[in-house]
Amino acid sequence: MKRFLLWFLPGLIVGALIILGGGKALHMTSTNEYCISCHIHPLADAAWKKSVHYDTRSGYRIGCVECHLPPTGRGYFMSKAKTGLRDLWSKWTKSPSSFNWDDKGRLEVARGYVYESSCINCHSNLFPAKLSKAGEDAHLYYTQTKKTDELNCINCHLNAGHFIEGYTHGSNSTFGNTSSAAKEIFTQPAKVDGFKNFTERIPKSAISFNMVAIPGGTFKMGSPATEPFRKEDEGPVREVELSPFFMAEIEVSWDEYLAFYVQTAAEGRSTDTEGLRTKKASETDAISGATPPYGQPDQGWGLGKRPAISFSFHAAETYCKWLSKVTGKTYRLPTEAEWEYACRGGTLGPYFFPGNPKKFEKTGLKAKLSKNDTTIINTYIIYKGNSPTKTQLPDRVRPNPFGLRNMAGNVAEFCSDWYQPDTYSLYPRGIVKDPKGPQQGTEHVVRGGSFLSPASGVRSSARDYTRTASWLKTDPQMPKSIWWYSDCFNVGLRVVCEFDEKAGNAEVK
């Protein structure tokens, strides 16, 4: 017995010390001060102190580990160990300047660092007495879907833990408000009397934009089987003949889109998400514009000349109809064939500039680009390799041979065609004249890469398509909006204006 006690008591004491010390160590390494001492984000603490989780109504301050670790008993210790080792490694081996902090703050990235179970652990009652009707609808949608890999609390509350300047969730009724201090307000659209570049003017606004005359001609649409990163839906190659048309020099900017948004609001915007209203007989030609967005459609990246994003295919078509009405011309979305022809600008390779996709594709092949290669692609395209994960101003790149900017990058662009993977094989052999794609379908073609695309995705022949259900998956409104996407921030539009060869000018409606 004495021998047992000689071994047992020291073990008991050591065990108690380990438990007590471990508990103290666990507590110490879970404080905000300790997290900040290792965490290399220079603005995390300042943004937390400006958030609603710091200055709460009850006076309780939510700490780092209460959001960035799961609740105790739900994988807490394992997650804490992994997070701690990751932060220590970053502190020892990396510099804060090596991180793209804008990218780290994106919703897609934040989902990997915030635990849904921790949100629900604190906010167990999702229907408190003072919750608004919009909040009730959003929380009801959340509870009905129960797909936490697709719909997270931070979809609507991204700024709860770290303050984001200008962030909005819920119906953004003030979006689109512009200053009245104006420049010249146009009263008439541009007059076009020949097939040449012109500057369109939007009546009742100070907004204008350049249209480029794209000569008709023939080209080989699609990519050969030998092109690097080619996909099956890019072939077989077809010879296509196109009539001349006008195309916008840049993607539709926020300035242009907000002119539509504001002017169609004056005609009577519905408050529901569908944007539908009953028209009087005298209003049958009126165009109902988009309803207020849910959240911040520009993602806080800025408006002005940046390409407009987040609006739906339906909104893009409605914009073209409105633009046609106010200018007296025929504006529309480009066909897929027109888009590729305009992007190529008479070239035959993967890009409208020299370069091998295998060298440019840093993500897939980990290739080391030469200074010359980097300069070439950065000169003409905004893509994943040179963009801080957001849209850029159009003057950052040079135009293609036709004088069009950002045809293959910045944001992808809607086309009017229905998408089918075998579209080209359905065209007859020989020269195809002004093809418009399949007669029916479920999704539409999207062409051109974006700021999120690797080099393989900004090739002239690369094809993509809309994903309506996925792009509205986290929209909590009931019914879902037909005007704004909740999950797509890298697609915009570029308008085409039809040319009347007989009249010798832009086609007048």
Protein backbone atom coordinates (compact mmCIF):
# COMPACT_ATOMS: atom_id res chain seq x y z
CA MET A 1 0.00 0.00 0.00
CA LYS A 2 2.78 2.38 0.91
CA ARG A 3 4.55 1.60 -2.37
CA PHE A 4 1.34 2.25 -4.29
CA LEU A 5 0.89 5.61 -2.57
CA LEU A 6 4.50 6.55 -3.34
CA TRP A 7 3.77 6.12 -7.04
CA PHE A 8 0.15 7.25 -7.05
CA LEU A 9 0.40 10.52 -5.12
CA PRO A 10 3.16 12.09 -7.28
CA GLY A 11 1.26 11.00 -10.39
CA LEU A 12 -1.90 12.54 -8.99
CA ILE A 13 -0.09 15.79 -8.23
CA VAL A 14 1.54 15.91 -11.67
CA GLY A 15 -1.80 15.12 -13.31
CA ALA A 16 -3.51 17.88 -11.34
CA LEU A 17 -0.79 20.34 -12.27
CA ILE A 18 -1.12 19.37 -15.92
CA ILE A 19 -4.88 19.76 -15.80
CA LEU A 20 -4.74 23.06 -13.95
CA GLY A 21 -1.85 24.32 -16.06
CA GLY A 22 -3.50 23.08 -19.21
CA GLY A 23 -6.70 24.87 -18.32
CA LYS A 24 -4.79 28.05 -17.59
CA ALA A 25 -2.83 27.68 -20.84
CA LEU A 26 -6.04 27.04 -22.73
CA HIS A 27 -7.58 30.18 -21.26
CA MET A 28 -4.49 32.29 -21.88
CA THR A 29 -4.19 31.20 -25.52
CA SER A 30 -7.87 31.95 -26.11
CA THR A 31 -7.77 35.64 -25.23
CA ASN A 32 -8.02 38.34 -27.88
CA GLU A 33 -4.64 39.71 -26.81
CA TYR A 34 -2.97 36.36 -27.43
CA CYS A 35 -4.67 35.93 -30.81
CA ILE A 36 -3.54 39.38 -31.93
CA SER A 37 0.03 38.73 -30.77
CA CYS A 38 0.30 35.90 -33.32
CA HIS A 39 -2.23 36.84 -35.98
CA ILE A 40 -0.53 38.83 -38.71
CA HIS A 41 -3.61 40.67 -40.02
CA PRO A 42 -2.72 44.31 -39.18
CA LEU A 43 -6.31 45.60 -39.26
CA ALA A 44 -8.23 42.73 -37.65
CA ASP A 45 -8.27 44.23 -34.15
CA ALA A 46 -9.29 47.70 -35.33
CA ALA A 47 -12.13 46.30 -37.49
CA TRP A 48 -13.34 44.10 -34.59
CA LYS A 49 -13.49 47.12 -32.25
CA LYS A 50 -15.78 48.92 -34.74
CA SER A 51 -18.11 45.94 -35.15
CA VAL A 52 -21.44 45.10 -33.51
CA HIS A 53 -19.74 42.17 -31.76
CA TYR A 54 -17.57 44.60 -29.80
CA ASP A 55 -20.12 47.21 -28.79
CA THR A 56 -23.08 44.93 -28.10
CA ARG A 57 -26.39 45.97 -26.55
CA SER A 58 -25.82 43.68 -23.55
CA GLY A 59 -22.27 44.90 -22.98
CA TYR A 60 -20.77 41.45 -23.56
CA ARG A 61 -17.86 41.44 -26.01
CA ILE A 62 -17.55 38.54 -28.40
CA GLY A 63 -13.95 37.35 -28.66
CA CYS A 64 -11.95 35.91 -31.53
CA VAL A 65 -12.33 32.26 -30.54
CA GLU A 66 -16.11 32.56 -30.19
CA CYS A 67 -16.44 32.97 -33.96
CA HIS A 68 -13.26 31.44 -35.33
CA LEU A 69 -13.46 28.19 -33.35
CA PRO A 70 -16.42 25.82 -32.90
CA PRO A 71 -18.16 25.54 -29.51
CA THR A 72 -16.47 23.36 -26.86
CA GLY A 73 -17.18 19.70 -27.44
CA ARG A 74 -17.69 20.08 -31.20
CA GLY A 75 -14.13 19.70 -32.38
CA TYR A 76 -12.90 22.69 -30.40
CA PHE A 77 -9.47 21.35 -29.35
CA MET A 78 -8.57 19.96 -32.77
CA SER A 79 -9.63 23.18 -34.51
CA LYS A 80 -7.73 25.26 -31.98
CA ALA A 81 -4.56 23.25 -32.56
CA LYS A 82 -4.86 23.52 -36.36
CA THR A 83 -5.62 27.25 -36.25
CA GLY A 84 -2.81 27.95 -33.79
CA LEU A 85 -0.23 26.06 -35.85
CA ARG A 86 -1.37 27.80 -39.03
CA ASP A 87 -1.08 31.26 -37.44
CA LEU A 88 2.30 30.48 -35.89
CA TRP A 89 3.63 29.25 -39.23
CA SER A 90 2.35 32.41 -40.95
CA LYS A 91 3.94 34.61 -38.29
CA TRP A 92 7.32 32.90 -38.57
CA THR A 93 7.51 32.47 -42.35
CA LYS A 94 5.45 35.22 -43.98
CA SER A 95 5.15 38.98 -44.09
CA PRO A 96 1.82 40.82 -43.73
CA SER A 97 2.53 42.52 -47.07
CA SER A 98 2.52 39.13 -48.82
CA PHE A 99 -1.21 38.64 -48.17
CA ASN A 100 -4.07 39.99 -50.25
CA TRP A 101 -6.26 41.16 -47.39
CA ASP A 102 -9.12 42.21 -49.68
CA ASP A 103 -9.28 38.65 -50.92
CA LYS A 104 -9.19 37.25 -47.38
CA GLY A 105 -12.25 39.33 -46.51
CA ARG A 106 -14.40 37.88 -49.30
CA LEU A 107 -17.40 35.78 -48.28
CA GLU A 108 -16.06 32.69 -50.06
CA VAL A 109 -12.87 32.86 -47.98
CA ALA A 110 -14.52 33.92 -44.71
CA ARG A 111 -16.69 30.79 -44.76
CA GLY A 112 -13.56 28.77 -44.04
CA TYR A 113 -12.75 30.75 -40.90
CA VAL A 114 -16.15 31.29 -39.26
CA TYR A 115 -18.07 28.38 -37.74
CA GLU A 116 -21.80 28.22 -38.32
CA SER A 117 -22.21 26.21 -35.11
CA SER A 118 -20.69 29.11 -33.15
CA CYS A 119 -23.16 31.58 -34.65
CA ILE A 120 -26.10 29.37 -33.69
CA ASN A 121 -24.59 28.66 -30.26
CA CYS A 122 -25.00 32.35 -29.35
CA HIS A 123 -28.00 33.21 -31.52
CA SER A 124 -30.18 30.23 -30.70
CA ASN A 125 -33.41 32.21 -31.20
CA LEU A 126 -33.58 33.18 -34.87
CA PHE A 127 -36.98 34.84 -34.48
CA PRO A 128 -36.70 37.40 -31.68
CA ALA A 129 -39.64 39.71 -31.02
CA LYS A 130 -38.14 42.80 -32.69
CA LEU A 131 -37.01 41.04 -35.88
CA SER A 132 -38.21 42.80 -39.03
CA LYS A 133 -40.43 41.12 -41.62
CA ALA A 134 -37.48 40.95 -44.04
CA GLY A 135 -35.40 39.36 -41.29
CA GLU A 136 -38.13 36.83 -40.56
CA ASP A 137 -38.29 35.86 -44.24
CA ALA A 138 -34.50 35.54 -44.44
CA HIS A 139 -34.26 33.42 -41.28
CA LEU A 140 -37.21 31.28 -42.37
CA TYR A 141 -35.45 30.61 -45.68
CA TYR A 142 -32.29 29.72 -43.77
CA THR A 143 -34.07 27.23 -41.50
CA GLN A 144 -35.90 25.64 -44.42
CA THR A 145 -32.80 25.08 -46.57
CA LYS A 146 -30.52 23.70 -43.83
CA LYS A 147 -27.65 23.64 -46.34
CA THR A 148 -24.96 25.28 -44.29
CA ASP A 149 -22.33 24.61 -46.94
CA GLU A 150 -24.26 26.93 -49.24
CA LEU A 151 -26.06 29.32 -46.91
CA ASN A 152 -24.23 30.70 -43.88
CA CYS A 153 -25.11 33.34 -41.33
CA ILE A 154 -22.30 35.51 -42.69
CA ASN A 155 -23.99 35.62 -46.10
CA CYS A 156 -26.10 38.39 -44.59
CA HIS A 157 -23.92 39.30 -41.58
CA LEU A 158 -20.41 39.38 -43.02
CA ASN A 159 -19.57 42.56 -41.10
CA ALA A 160 -20.77 41.32 -37.70
CA GLY A 161 -17.32 40.37 -36.43
CA HIS A 162 -15.16 42.77 -38.44
CA PHE A 163 -16.59 46.11 -39.55
CA ILE A 164 -16.72 46.71 -43.32
CA GLU A 165 -17.08 50.31 -44.49
CA GLY A 166 -20.24 50.80 -46.56
CA TYR A 167 -21.48 47.23 -46.03
CA THR A 168 -25.24 46.76 -46.34
CA HIS A 169 -27.44 43.75 -45.81
CA GLY A 170 -31.15 43.73 -46.43
CA SER A 171 -32.97 45.81 -49.01
CA ASN A 172 -30.67 48.61 -50.17
CA SER A 173 -33.22 51.32 -50.94
CA THR A 174 -30.60 54.08 -51.21
CA PHE A 175 -28.53 52.26 -53.83
CA GLY A 176 -28.20 54.31 -57.00
CA ASN A 177 -28.69 57.70 -55.38
CA THR A 178 -26.48 60.07 -57.34
CA SER A 179 -25.38 63.64 -56.82
CA SER A 180 -27.45 66.29 -58.59
CA ALA A 181 -24.48 68.58 -59.07
CA ALA A 182 -24.23 67.88 -62.69
CA LYS A 183 -22.33 68.17 -65.79
CA GLU A 184 -24.16 68.66 -69.06
CA ILE A 185 -27.47 66.80 -69.19
CA PHE A 186 -28.08 65.32 -72.64
CA THR A 187 -31.44 65.93 -74.24
CA GLN A 188 -30.83 63.97 -77.45
CA PRO A 189 -29.05 60.70 -78.25
CA ALA A 190 -26.19 60.53 -80.74
CA LYS A 191 -27.02 60.85 -84.42
CA VAL A 192 -25.30 58.20 -86.52
CA ASP A 193 -25.02 58.82 -90.26
CA GLY A 194 -22.51 56.18 -91.34
CA PHE A 195 -20.57 53.11 -90.37
CA LYS A 196 -18.02 54.69 -88.07
CA ASN A 197 -17.27 54.91 -84.36
CA PHE A 198 -19.60 57.15 -82.41
CA THR A 199 -20.26 58.30 -78.85
CA GLU A 200 -23.74 57.48 -77.60
CA ARG A 201 -25.46 59.90 -75.24
CA ILE A 202 -28.11 58.78 -72.77
CA PRO A 203 -30.90 61.41 -72.72
CA LYS A 204 -31.85 62.89 -69.32
CA SER A 205 -28.41 62.05 -67.99
CA ALA A 206 -24.80 63.20 -68.21
CA ILE A 207 -23.66 59.73 -69.28
CA SER A 208 -22.08 58.86 -72.61
CA PHE A 209 -20.13 55.86 -73.91
CA ASN A 210 -18.17 54.93 -77.01
CA MET A 211 -19.40 52.53 -79.69
CA VAL A 212 -16.93 50.91 -82.09
CA ALA A 213 -17.78 50.00 -85.70
CA ILE A 214 -16.97 46.30 -86.15
CA PRO A 215 -16.64 45.48 -89.87
CA GLY A 216 -18.36 42.37 -91.18
CA GLY A 217 -16.28 39.40 -92.23
CA THR A 218 -15.58 35.71 -91.83
CA PHE A 219 -13.63 33.91 -89.09
CA LYS A 220 -13.09 30.47 -87.65
CA MET A 221 -15.23 30.10 -84.54
CA GLY A 222 -14.07 27.73 -81.82
CA SER A 223 -10.69 26.20 -80.99
CA PRO A 224 -8.68 23.47 -82.70
CA ALA A 225 -8.16 20.19 -80.87
CA THR A 226 -4.49 21.08 -80.32
CA GLU A 227 -5.14 24.29 -78.36
CA PRO A 228 -3.97 24.01 -74.73
CA PHE A 229 -6.80 23.80 -72.15
CA ARG A 230 -9.39 23.41 -74.91
CA LYS A 231 -12.76 22.01 -73.80
CA GLU A 232 -15.11 19.83 -75.82
CA ASP A 233 -17.78 22.53 -76.12
CA GLU A 234 -15.35 24.76 -78.07
CA GLY A 235 -15.59 22.65 -81.21
CA PRO A 236 -15.72 21.58 -83.88
CA VAL A 237 -14.34 24.75 -85.50
CA ARG A 238 -16.86 26.39 -87.83
CA GLU A 239 -16.38 29.09 -90.45
CA VAL A 240 -18.76 31.95 -89.71
CA GLU A 241 -19.71 35.05 -91.71
CA LEU A 242 -21.01 38.09 -89.82
CA SER A 243 -22.69 41.31 -90.92
CA PRO A 244 -21.20 44.57 -89.62
CA PHE A 245 -22.34 45.85 -86.24
CA PHE A 246 -21.42 48.35 -83.53
CA MET A 247 -20.09 47.17 -80.16
CA ALA A 248 -19.40 49.10 -76.95
CA GLU A 249 -15.72 49.88 -76.35
CA ILE A 250 -16.04 48.82 -72.70
CA GLU A 251 -18.38 46.76 -70.60
CA VAL A 252 -21.49 48.57 -69.37
CA SER A 253 -20.29 50.67 -66.45
CA TRP A 254 -22.07 51.43 -63.22
CA ASP A 255 -22.56 55.00 -64.50
CA GLU A 256 -24.47 53.65 -67.49
CA TYR A 257 -26.43 51.02 -65.58
CA LEU A 258 -27.46 53.45 -62.84
CA ALA A 259 -28.86 55.83 -65.47
CA PHE A 260 -31.22 52.99 -66.39
CA TYR A 261 -31.86 52.13 -62.74
CA VAL A 262 -32.77 55.70 -61.80
CA GLN A 263 -34.80 56.55 -64.89
CA THR A 264 -36.90 53.40 -64.81
CA ALA A 265 -37.54 53.99 -61.12
CA ALA A 266 -39.22 57.24 -62.10
CA GLU A 267 -41.67 55.18 -64.16
CA GLY A 268 -42.73 53.34 -61.04
CA ARG A 269 -40.68 50.67 -59.34
CA SER A 270 -42.47 47.93 -57.48
CA THR A 271 -41.34 47.21 -53.94
CA ASP A 272 -41.48 43.44 -54.36
CA THR A 273 -38.49 41.41 -55.49
CA GLU A 274 -40.09 40.44 -58.79
CA GLY A 275 -40.42 44.04 -59.93
CA LEU A 276 -43.77 43.38 -61.57
CA ARG A 277 -46.55 45.90 -61.64
CA THR A 278 -49.87 46.45 -63.35
CA LYS A 279 -49.66 49.02 -66.13
CA LYS A 280 -52.37 51.39 -67.21
CA ALA A 281 -53.27 51.46 -70.88
CA SER A 282 -51.20 54.62 -71.39
CA GLU A 283 -48.17 52.91 -69.84
CA THR A 284 -47.98 49.84 -72.02
CA ASP A 285 -44.62 50.95 -73.48
CA ALA A 286 -43.12 51.83 -70.12
CA ILE A 287 -40.19 49.70 -68.97
CA SER A 288 -40.25 48.56 -65.37
CA GLY A 289 -36.74 48.72 -63.98
CA ALA A 290 -34.95 46.77 -61.31
CA THR A 291 -36.09 46.71 -57.71
CA PRO A 292 -33.65 47.79 -54.98
CA PRO A 293 -30.88 45.21 -54.52
CA TYR A 294 -30.42 43.07 -51.45
CA GLY A 295 -27.06 44.15 -50.07
CA GLN A 296 -24.33 45.96 -52.00
CA PRO A 297 -24.18 44.86 -55.67
CA ASP A 298 -20.80 46.50 -56.30
CA GLN A 299 -19.34 44.57 -53.32
CA GLY A 300 -17.87 47.83 -52.06
CA TRP A 301 -15.37 47.91 -54.94
CA GLY A 302 -16.69 51.19 -56.32
CA LEU A 303 -19.06 52.43 -58.99
CA GLY A 304 -18.31 54.94 -61.76
CA LYS A 305 -16.50 53.43 -64.75
CA ARG A 306 -16.07 50.00 -63.19
CA PRO A 307 -18.19 47.35 -64.93
CA ALA A 308 -21.65 46.86 -63.47
CA ILE A 309 -22.09 43.43 -61.87
CA SER A 310 -24.57 41.32 -59.85
CA PHE A 311 -27.54 42.03 -62.15
CA SER A 312 -29.35 39.10 -63.77
CA PHE A 313 -29.65 38.05 -67.40
CA HIS A 314 -33.23 39.32 -67.30
CA ALA A 315 -31.95 42.71 -66.09
CA ALA A 316 -29.34 42.78 -68.87
CA GLU A 317 -32.00 42.20 -71.53
CA THR A 318 -34.26 44.82 -69.96
CA TYR A 319 -31.38 47.31 -69.94
CA CYS A 320 -30.90 46.78 -73.69
CA LYS A 321 -34.62 47.31 -74.33
CA TRP A 322 -34.56 50.52 -72.31
CA LEU A 323 -31.43 51.78 -74.06
CA SER A 324 -33.07 51.09 -77.42
CA LYS A 325 -36.15 53.02 -76.34
CA VAL A 326 -34.34 56.14 -75.10
CA THR A 327 -31.86 56.34 -78.00
CA GLY A 328 -34.13 55.27 -80.86
CA LYS A 329 -31.61 52.65 -82.00
CA THR A 330 -31.57 48.86 -81.73
CA TYR A 331 -29.35 47.85 -78.82
CA ARG A 332 -29.11 44.23 -77.69
CA LEU A 333 -26.81 41.59 -76.25
CA PRO A 334 -24.22 40.23 -78.69
CA THR A 335 -24.62 36.79 -80.17
CA GLU A 336 -21.93 34.32 -79.19
CA ALA A 337 -20.50 34.48 -82.72
CA GLU A 338 -20.38 38.29 -82.67
CA TRP A 339 -18.66 38.23 -79.32
CA GLU A 340 -15.89 35.82 -80.36
CA TYR A 341 -15.36 37.60 -83.69
CA ALA A 342 -15.04 40.95 -81.90
CA CYS A 343 -12.73 39.47 -79.25
CA ARG A 344 -10.38 37.91 -81.78
CA GLY A 345 -10.13 41.09 -83.82
CA GLY A 346 -8.85 39.18 -86.83
CA THR A 347 -6.42 36.94 -84.92
CA LEU A 348 -6.36 33.13 -85.00
CA GLY A 349 -4.52 32.11 -81.81
CA PRO A 350 -5.71 31.35 -78.27
CA TYR A 351 -5.56 35.09 -77.48
CA PHE A 352 -5.75 38.27 -79.55
CA PHE A 353 -2.13 38.91 -78.49
CA PRO A 354 0.95 36.65 -78.67
CA GLY A 355 1.31 34.01 -75.98
CA ASN A 356 1.10 30.35 -75.05
CA PRO A 357 -1.64 29.45 -72.52
CA LYS A 358 0.69 26.87 -70.96
CA LYS A 359 3.13 29.61 -69.99
CA PHE A 360 0.39 31.94 -68.76
CA GLU A 361 -1.43 29.30 -66.69
CA LYS A 362 0.28 29.82 -63.36
CA THR A 363 -2.37 28.10 -61.28
CA GLY A 364 -2.54 24.81 -63.09
CA LEU A 365 1.09 24.33 -64.09
CA LYS A 366 2.94 26.47 -61.55
CA ALA A 367 4.86 27.92 -64.45
CA LYS A 368 7.31 30.73 -63.89
CA LEU A 369 6.51 33.54 -66.29
CA SER A 370 9.27 35.54 -67.86
CA LYS A 371 9.10 39.30 -67.48
CA ASN A 372 8.11 39.56 -71.14
CA ASP A 373 5.28 37.01 -70.79
CA THR A 374 3.94 38.78 -67.72
CA THR A 375 4.03 42.14 -69.45
CA ILE A 376 2.13 40.83 -72.47
CA ILE A 377 -0.85 39.31 -70.67
CA ASN A 378 -1.01 42.05 -68.03
CA THR A 379 -1.12 44.65 -70.79
CA TYR A 380 -4.34 43.32 -72.31
CA ILE A 381 -6.30 41.35 -69.70
CA ILE A 382 -7.53 41.71 -66.13
CA TYR A 383 -7.52 38.14 -64.82
CA LYS A 384 -6.67 36.14 -61.69
CA GLY A 385 -2.94 36.66 -62.16
CA ASN A 386 -3.00 40.47 -61.92
CA SER A 387 -6.24 41.40 -60.15
CA PRO A 388 -6.72 41.81 -56.39
CA THR A 389 -9.92 39.70 -56.68
CA LYS A 390 -12.15 42.52 -57.80
CA THR A 391 -13.14 44.47 -60.90
CA GLN A 392 -10.81 47.11 -62.28
CA LEU A 393 -11.23 50.34 -64.25
CA PRO A 394 -11.25 49.82 -68.03
CA ASP A 395 -8.23 52.02 -68.76
CA ARG A 396 -5.90 49.58 -66.98
CA VAL A 397 -5.57 47.57 -70.19
CA ARG A 398 -4.90 48.26 -73.85
CA PRO A 399 -7.57 47.62 -76.50
CA ASN A 400 -7.61 44.63 -78.85
CA PRO A 401 -7.12 45.04 -82.64
CA PHE A 402 -10.72 46.26 -83.05
CA GLY A 403 -10.29 48.88 -80.31
CA LEU A 404 -12.30 47.04 -77.62
CA ARG A 405 -11.10 46.91 -74.01
CA ASN A 406 -11.40 44.01 -71.57
CA MET A 407 -13.01 41.67 -74.09
CA ALA A 408 -11.39 38.63 -72.48
CA GLY A 409 -11.23 39.70 -68.85
CA ASN A 410 -12.31 41.97 -65.98
CA VAL A 411 -15.85 40.55 -66.03
CA ALA A 412 -17.39 37.85 -68.20
CA GLU A 413 -20.23 38.98 -70.48
CA PHE A 414 -23.75 37.76 -71.26
CA CYS A 415 -24.54 36.67 -74.80
CA SER A 416 -28.03 36.27 -76.26
CA ASP A 417 -27.63 32.59 -77.29
CA TRP A 418 -29.01 29.64 -75.38
CA TYR A 419 -26.14 27.44 -74.25
CA GLN A 420 -25.60 23.90 -75.45
CA PRO A 421 -22.29 22.04 -75.23
CA ASP A 422 -22.67 20.74 -78.81
CA THR A 423 -23.86 23.96 -80.44
CA TYR A 424 -21.12 24.10 -83.06
CA SER A 425 -21.71 20.54 -84.23
CA LEU A 426 -25.34 21.45 -84.95
CA TYR A 427 -24.37 24.15 -87.46
CA PRO A 428 -24.30 23.01 -91.11
CA ARG A 429 -21.00 22.49 -92.89
CA GLY A 430 -19.68 25.37 -94.94
CA ILE A 431 -19.98 29.04 -94.07
CA VAL A 432 -22.56 29.79 -91.38
CA LYS A 433 -24.19 33.24 -91.78
CA ASP A 434 -24.96 35.29 -88.64
CA PRO A 435 -25.67 32.30 -86.31
CA LYS A 436 -27.81 32.94 -83.25
CA GLY A 437 -27.39 29.63 -81.45
CA PRO A 438 -30.01 27.03 -80.43
CA GLN A 439 -33.69 27.95 -80.56
CA GLN A 440 -34.29 26.93 -76.97
CA GLY A 441 -32.49 26.03 -73.77
CA THR A 442 -32.37 26.56 -70.01
CA GLU A 443 -29.23 28.70 -69.58
CA HIS A 444 -27.55 31.39 -71.70
CA VAL A 445 -24.02 31.68 -73.00
CA VAL A 446 -21.45 33.71 -71.05
CA ARG A 447 -18.22 34.61 -72.84
CA GLY A 448 -14.88 36.06 -71.75
CA GLY A 449 -13.08 35.43 -68.50
CA SER A 450 -13.04 37.67 -65.44
CA PHE A 451 -10.83 38.86 -62.60
CA LEU A 452 -11.34 35.38 -61.07
CA SER A 453 -10.25 33.45 -64.18
CA PRO A 454 -6.90 31.75 -64.70
CA ALA A 455 -5.15 32.26 -68.03
CA SER A 456 -6.89 29.22 -69.53
CA GLY A 457 -10.28 30.86 -68.92
CA VAL A 458 -9.52 34.08 -70.82
CA ARG A 459 -8.78 32.43 -74.18
CA SER A 460 -10.83 33.84 -77.08
CA SER A 461 -12.70 30.56 -77.62
CA ALA A 462 -13.45 29.71 -73.95
CA ARG A 463 -17.18 29.22 -73.32
CA ASP A 464 -19.28 29.34 -70.18
CA TYR A 465 -22.96 29.72 -69.28
CA THR A 466 -25.31 31.18 -66.70
CA ARG A 467 -26.15 29.17 -63.59
CA THR A 468 -29.39 30.79 -62.50
CA ALA A 469 -30.22 28.53 -59.56
CA SER A 470 -26.69 28.58 -58.15
CA TRP A 471 -26.36 32.33 -58.59
CA LEU A 472 -29.51 32.84 -56.50
CA LYS A 473 -28.86 30.10 -53.96
CA THR A 474 -28.21 32.35 -50.99
CA ASP A 475 -30.83 34.99 -51.85
CA PRO A 476 -33.08 34.85 -48.76
CA GLN A 477 -35.92 36.86 -50.33
CA MET A 478 -39.26 35.25 -51.07
CA PRO A 479 -39.75 35.14 -53.99
CA LYS A 480 -36.15 35.39 -55.21
CA SER A 481 -35.18 38.44 -57.22
CA ILE A 482 -35.39 38.37 -61.00
CA TRP A 483 -33.15 41.46 -61.12
CA TRP A 484 -30.12 40.75 -58.93
CA TYR A 485 -27.92 37.70 -58.35
CA SER A 486 -26.86 36.99 -54.77
CA ASP A 487 -23.94 34.73 -55.70
CA CYS A 488 -22.42 36.04 -58.93
CA PHE A 489 -20.13 39.07 -58.96
CA ASN A 490 -17.99 38.45 -62.03
CA VAL A 491 -20.43 38.74 -64.94
CA GLY A 492 -21.53 41.91 -66.71
CA LEU A 493 -22.58 42.89 -70.22
CA ARG A 494 -21.38 44.65 -73.34
CA VAL A 495 -23.97 46.05 -75.74
CA VAL A 496 -24.22 45.71 -79.50
CA CYS A 497 -26.02 48.21 -81.74
CA GLU A 498 -27.35 46.93 -85.04
CA PHE A 499 -26.21 48.54 -88.29
CA ASP A 500 -28.58 49.07 -91.21
CA GLU A 501 -26.41 48.57 -94.28
CA LYS A 502 -29.10 49.92 -96.63
CA ALA A 503 -29.69 53.09 -94.62
CA GLY A 504 -25.99 53.49 -93.83
CA ASN A 505 -26.50 54.14 -90.13
CA ALA A 506 -27.38 52.57 -86.82
CA GLU A 507 -30.67 50.81 -87.17
CA VAL A 508 -33.51 53.00 -85.90
CA LYS A 509 -36.49 51.39 -84.29
